């Protein structure tokens, strides 16, 4: 059984070189209007840039594959192993592509119930993985704020080595 007319239209829109280009039919025009009403942004991969970017930078145009490119809303690039998307005004960090994260460590001393790990890479929005050298030991509470992670444990009879991976 073949595809419906609307499926063909959607494939044409999604497969087009410029998916938000001029509609080829009334149906495409209506589907594009629907996408606009739904506030859907189509992301477009540009490639790896040599232009220095950081979260919140407004740099535009940028260099991609040795060519100057003026970024548009939804354009995605990688700089220094980090993906960025252009929101029409600013570059926003999407996440780390090649970096496994930063490993921080500390020691929960025998009898203590709290361990604080501090580092500038920690933000209130950081994703963290917690490891210890005691199988099955998990914190009873974790508080993450800018610059620090406070881990609360049941008091242990020996020193415990704890590592935190900050992503």
C-alpha atoms as a PDB file:
ATOM      1  CA  UNK A   1       0.000   0.000   0.000  1.00  0.00           C
ATOM      2  CA  UNK A   2       1.403   3.410  -0.982  1.00  0.00           C
ATOM      3  CA  UNK A   3       1.805   6.502   1.119  1.00  0.00           C
ATOM      4  CA  UNK A   4      -1.003   8.983   1.516  1.00  0.00           C
ATOM      5  CA  UNK A   5      -0.812  12.346  -0.169  1.00  0.00           C
ATOM      6  CA  UNK A   6      -0.160  14.052   3.194  1.00  0.00           C
ATOM      7  CA  UNK A   7       2.688  11.627   3.982  1.00  0.00           C
ATOM      8  CA  UNK A   8       4.267  12.516   0.658  1.00  0.00           C
ATOM      9  CA  UNK A   9       3.871  16.207   1.421  1.00  0.00           C
ATOM     10  CA  UNK A  10       5.468  15.816   4.859  1.00  0.00           C
ATOM     11  CA  UNK A  11       8.348  13.836   3.364  1.00  0.00           C
ATOM     12  CA  UNK A  12       8.831  16.575   0.766  1.00  0.00           C
ATOM     13  CA  UNK A  13       8.901  19.234   3.483  1.00  0.00           C
ATOM     14  CA  UNK A  14      11.236  17.273   5.760  1.00  0.00           C
ATOM     15  CA  UNK A  15      13.475  16.130   2.927  1.00  0.00           C
ATOM     16  CA  UNK A  16      13.748  19.503   1.247  1.00  0.00           C
ATOM     17  CA  UNK A  17      17.076  21.314   1.179  1.00  0.00           C
ATOM     18  CA  UNK A  18      15.368  24.184   3.003  1.00  0.00           C
ATOM     19  CA  UNK A  19      12.415  22.639   4.878  1.00  0.00           C
ATOM     20  CA  UNK A  20      10.920  26.061   5.547  1.00  0.00           C
ATOM     21  CA  UNK A  21      11.327  27.259   1.943  1.00  0.00           C
ATOM     22  CA  UNK A  22       8.463  28.187  -0.352  1.00  0.00           C
ATOM     23  CA  UNK A  23       5.614  25.648  -0.213  1.00  0.00           C
ATOM     24  CA  UNK A  24       5.024  23.665  -3.388  1.00  0.00           C
ATOM     25  CA  UNK A  25       1.284  23.193  -2.810  1.00  0.00           C
ATOM     26  CA  UNK A  26      -1.614  24.449  -0.714  1.00  0.00           C
ATOM     27  CA  UNK A  27      -1.241  21.393   1.557  1.00  0.00           C
ATOM     28  CA  UNK A  28       2.425  22.195   2.171  1.00  0.00           C
ATOM     29  CA  UNK A  29       1.482  25.807   2.934  1.00  0.00           C
ATOM     30  CA  UNK A  30      -1.120  24.639   5.465  1.00  0.00           C
ATOM     31  CA  UNK A  31       1.311  22.166   7.074  1.00  0.00           C
ATOM     32  CA  UNK A  32       3.953  24.885   7.345  1.00  0.00           C
ATOM     33  CA  UNK A  33       1.410  27.219   8.968  1.00  0.00           C
ATOM     34  CA  UNK A  34       0.650  24.448  11.461  1.00  0.00           C
ATOM     35  CA  UNK A  35       4.352  24.068  12.276  1.00  0.00           C
ATOM     36  CA  UNK A  36       4.606  27.820  12.833  1.00  0.00           C
ATOM     37  CA  UNK A  37       1.554  27.829  15.145  1.00  0.00           C
ATOM     38  CA  UNK A  38       3.082  24.943  17.104  1.00  0.00           C
ATOM     39  CA  UNK A  39       6.306  26.983  17.444  1.00  0.00           C
ATOM     40  CA  UNK A  40       8.349  24.156  15.962  1.00  0.00           C
ATOM     41  CA  UNK A  41      11.946  25.030  15.200  1.00  0.00           C
ATOM     42  CA  UNK A  42      13.662  22.880  12.634  1.00  0.00           C
ATOM     43  CA  UNK A  43      17.273  22.201  13.650  1.00  0.00           C
ATOM     44  CA  UNK A  44      19.855  22.203  10.886  1.00  0.00           C
ATOM     45  CA  UNK A  45      23.359  20.783  11.334  1.00  0.00           C
ATOM     46  CA  UNK A  46      25.967  23.161   9.863  1.00  0.00           C
ATOM     47  CA  UNK A  47      29.115  21.312  10.970  1.00  0.00           C
ATOM     48  CA  UNK A  48      32.172  21.995  13.106  1.00  0.00           C
ATOM     49  CA  UNK A  49      33.067  25.663  13.539  1.00  0.00           C
ATOM     50  CA  UNK A  50      36.478  27.176  14.200  1.00  0.00           C
ATOM     51  CA  UNK A  51      34.809  30.319  15.563  1.00  0.00           C
ATOM     52  CA  UNK A  52      35.113  30.504  19.352  1.00  0.00           C
ATOM     53  CA  UNK A  53      31.660  30.087  20.906  1.00  0.00           C
ATOM     54  CA  UNK A  54      30.324  29.932  24.439  1.00  0.00           C
ATOM     55  CA  UNK A  55      26.868  29.715  25.963  1.00  0.00           C
ATOM     56  CA  UNK A  56      25.123  33.049  25.414  1.00  0.00           C
ATOM     57  CA  UNK A  57      27.521  34.441  22.799  1.00  0.00           C
ATOM     58  CA  UNK A  58      26.034  36.390  19.893  1.00  0.00           C
ATOM     59  CA  UNK A  59      28.867  35.813  17.404  1.00  0.00           C
ATOM     60  CA  UNK A  60      27.499  35.821  13.850  1.00  0.00           C
ATOM     61  CA  UNK A  61      28.598  35.093  11.142  1.00  0.00           C
ATOM     62  CA  UNK A  62      30.822  32.127  12.024  1.00  0.00           C
ATOM     63  CA  UNK A  63      33.351  30.001  10.118  1.00  0.00           C
ATOM     64  CA  UNK A  64      32.253  26.456   9.172  1.00  0.00           C
ATOM     65  CA  UNK A  65      34.386  24.335   6.843  1.00  0.00           C
ATOM     66  CA  UNK A  66      36.597  27.375   6.093  1.00  0.00           C
ATOM     67  CA  UNK A  67      33.572  29.392   4.893  1.00  0.00           C
ATOM     68  CA  UNK A  68      31.767  32.301   6.497  1.00  0.00           C
ATOM     69  CA  UNK A  69      28.209  31.314   7.427  1.00  0.00           C
ATOM     70  CA  UNK A  70      25.506  33.594   8.814  1.00  0.00           C
ATOM     71  CA  UNK A  71      23.638  31.470  11.343  1.00  0.00           C
ATOM     72  CA  UNK A  72      19.851  31.342  11.376  1.00  0.00           C
ATOM     73  CA  UNK A  73      17.405  30.160  14.034  1.00  0.00           C
ATOM     74  CA  UNK A  74      17.819  26.419  14.564  1.00  0.00           C
ATOM     75  CA  UNK A  75      21.349  26.140  13.141  1.00  0.00           C
ATOM     76  CA  UNK A  76      23.518  23.696  15.114  1.00  0.00           C
ATOM     77  CA  UNK A  77      27.326  23.586  15.216  1.00  0.00           C
ATOM     78  CA  UNK A  78      30.038  21.939  17.266  1.00  0.00           C
ATOM     79  CA  UNK A  79      32.853  23.986  18.781  1.00  0.00           C
ATOM     80  CA  UNK A  80      35.485  22.434  21.056  1.00  0.00           C
ATOM     81  CA  UNK A  81      33.459  19.176  21.354  1.00  0.00           C
ATOM     82  CA  UNK A  82      30.313  21.034  22.491  1.00  0.00           C
ATOM     83  CA  UNK A  83      27.128  21.427  20.446  1.00  0.00           C
ATOM     84  CA  UNK A  84      25.523  24.856  20.197  1.00  0.00           C
ATOM     85  CA  UNK A  85      22.178  25.883  18.680  1.00  0.00           C
ATOM     86  CA  UNK A  86      21.485  29.415  17.438  1.00  0.00           C
ATOM     87  CA  UNK A  87      18.182  30.818  18.745  1.00  0.00           C
ATOM     88  CA  UNK A  88      18.133  33.736  16.308  1.00  0.00           C
ATOM     89  CA  UNK A  89      20.109  35.995  18.630  1.00  0.00           C
ATOM     90  CA  UNK A  90      22.379  33.877  20.847  1.00  0.00           C
ATOM     91  CA  UNK A  91      24.202  30.551  20.798  1.00  0.00           C
ATOM     92  CA  UNK A  92      22.935  28.108  23.431  1.00  0.00           C
ATOM     93  CA  UNK A  93      24.942  25.127  24.628  1.00  0.00           C
ATOM     94  CA  UNK A  94      23.198  21.824  23.893  1.00  0.00           C
ATOM     95  CA  UNK A  95      25.632  19.492  25.600  1.00  0.00           C
ATOM     96  CA  UNK A  96      28.999  17.836  25.477  1.00  0.00           C
ATOM     97  CA  UNK A  97      29.667  15.696  22.440  1.00  0.00           C
ATOM     98  CA  UNK A  98      33.141  14.342  23.051  1.00  0.00           C
ATOM     99  CA  UNK A  99      33.884  15.247  26.641  1.00  0.00           C
ATOM    100  CA  UNK A 100      33.057  12.551  29.192  1.00  0.00           C
ATOM    101  CA  UNK A 101      32.672  15.046  32.027  1.00  0.00           C
ATOM    102  CA  UNK A 102      34.866  16.081  34.926  1.00  0.00           C
ATOM    103  CA  UNK A 103      35.678  13.636  37.713  1.00  0.00           C
ATOM    104  CA  UNK A 104      35.975  15.159  41.181  1.00  0.00           C
ATOM    105  CA  UNK A 105      36.796  13.245  44.350  1.00  0.00           C
ATOM    106  CA  UNK A 106      36.682  13.491  48.119  1.00  0.00           C
ATOM    107  CA  UNK A 107      36.818  11.365  51.240  1.00  0.00           C
ATOM    108  CA  UNK A 108      33.959  10.732  53.643  1.00  0.00           C
ATOM    109  CA  UNK A 109      35.881  10.270  56.863  1.00  0.00           C
ATOM    110  CA  UNK A 110      34.888   7.552  59.319  1.00  0.00           C
ATOM    111  CA  UNK A 111      31.990   8.686  61.523  1.00  0.00           C
ATOM    112  CA  UNK A 112      31.110  11.668  59.281  1.00  0.00           C
ATOM    113  CA  UNK A 113      27.732  11.998  57.595  1.00  0.00           C
ATOM    114  CA  UNK A 114      28.501  14.784  55.129  1.00  0.00           C
ATOM    115  CA  UNK A 115      30.967  15.359  52.302  1.00  0.00           C
ATOM    116  CA  UNK A 116      31.254  18.636  50.373  1.00  0.00           C
ATOM    117  CA  UNK A 117      32.950  18.689  46.991  1.00  0.00           C
ATOM    118  CA  UNK A 118      33.674  22.101  45.487  1.00  0.00           C
ATOM    119  CA  UNK A 119      34.709  23.070  41.984  1.00  0.00           C
ATOM    120  CA  UNK A 120      33.840  25.827  39.512  1.00  0.00           C
ATOM    121  CA  UNK A 121      32.532  23.313  36.930  1.00  0.00           C
ATOM    122  CA  UNK A 122      29.581  22.497  39.203  1.00  0.00           C
ATOM    123  CA  UNK A 123      26.388  24.408  38.477  1.00  0.00           C
ATOM    124  CA  UNK A 124      22.907  24.071  39.896  1.00  0.00           C
ATOM    125  CA  UNK A 125      21.900  22.436  36.582  1.00  0.00           C
ATOM    126  CA  UNK A 126      24.789  19.950  36.458  1.00  0.00           C
ATOM    127  CA  UNK A 127      24.069  16.293  35.878  1.00  0.00           C
ATOM    128  CA  UNK A 128      26.084  14.160  38.284  1.00  0.00           C
ATOM    129  CA  UNK A 129      26.982  10.507  38.756  1.00  0.00           C
ATOM    130  CA  UNK A 130      28.181   9.413  42.207  1.00  0.00           C
ATOM    131  CA  UNK A 131      30.588   6.539  42.864  1.00  0.00           C
ATOM    132  CA  UNK A 132      32.217   5.167  46.009  1.00  0.00           C
ATOM    133  CA  UNK A 133      34.698   2.429  46.863  1.00  0.00           C
ATOM    134  CA  UNK A 134      32.043   0.665  48.960  1.00  0.00           C
ATOM    135  CA  UNK A 135      29.622  -1.436  46.921  1.00  0.00           C
ATOM    136  CA  UNK A 136      25.989  -0.336  47.284  1.00  0.00           C
ATOM    137  CA  UNK A 137      26.726   2.768  49.368  1.00  0.00           C
ATOM    138  CA  UNK A 138      24.555   5.636  48.195  1.00  0.00           C
ATOM    139  CA  UNK A 139      23.985   9.075  49.678  1.00  0.00           C
ATOM    140  CA  UNK A 140      20.755   9.694  51.562  1.00  0.00           C
ATOM    141  CA  UNK A 141      20.659  13.265  50.220  1.00  0.00           C
ATOM    142  CA  UNK A 142      22.396  15.259  47.479  1.00  0.00           C
ATOM    143  CA  UNK A 143      22.368  19.051  47.206  1.00  0.00           C
ATOM    144  CA  UNK A 144      23.863  20.631  44.089  1.00  0.00           C
ATOM    145  CA  UNK A 145      24.415  24.384  43.953  1.00  0.00           C
ATOM    146  CA  UNK A 146      26.756  26.542  41.917  1.00  0.00           C
ATOM    147  CA  UNK A 147      30.282  25.603  42.911  1.00  0.00           C
ATOM    148  CA  UNK A 148      29.512  22.698  45.231  1.00  0.00           C
ATOM    149  CA  UNK A 149      27.882  19.337  45.837  1.00  0.00           C
ATOM    150  CA  UNK A 150      26.953  18.302  49.384  1.00  0.00           C
ATOM    151  CA  UNK A 151      26.501  14.554  49.844  1.00  0.00           C
ATOM    152  CA  UNK A 152      24.870  13.162  52.997  1.00  0.00           C
ATOM    153  CA  UNK A 153      25.488   9.547  54.057  1.00  0.00           C
ATOM    154  CA  UNK A 154      24.787   7.257  56.979  1.00  0.00           C
ATOM    155  CA  UNK A 155      27.916   7.375  59.168  1.00  0.00           C
ATOM    156  CA  UNK A 156      30.472   4.705  58.197  1.00  0.00           C
ATOM    157  CA  UNK A 157      33.114   3.003  60.355  1.00  0.00           C
ATOM    158  CA  UNK A 158      35.906   3.545  57.795  1.00  0.00           C
ATOM    159  CA  UNK A 159      37.006   6.285  55.396  1.00  0.00           C
ATOM    160  CA  UNK A 160      35.130   6.105  52.088  1.00  0.00           C
ATOM    161  CA  UNK A 161      36.554   7.332  48.789  1.00  0.00           C
ATOM    162  CA  UNK A 162      33.854   9.133  46.757  1.00  0.00           C
ATOM    163  CA  UNK A 163      34.012  10.305  43.160  1.00  0.00           C
ATOM    164  CA  UNK A 164      31.528  12.526  41.394  1.00  0.00           C
ATOM    165  CA  UNK A 165      31.301  12.829  37.612  1.00  0.00           C
ATOM    166  CA  UNK A 166      29.966  16.265  36.645  1.00  0.00           C
ATOM    167  CA  UNK A 167      28.427  16.477  33.177  1.00  0.00           C
END
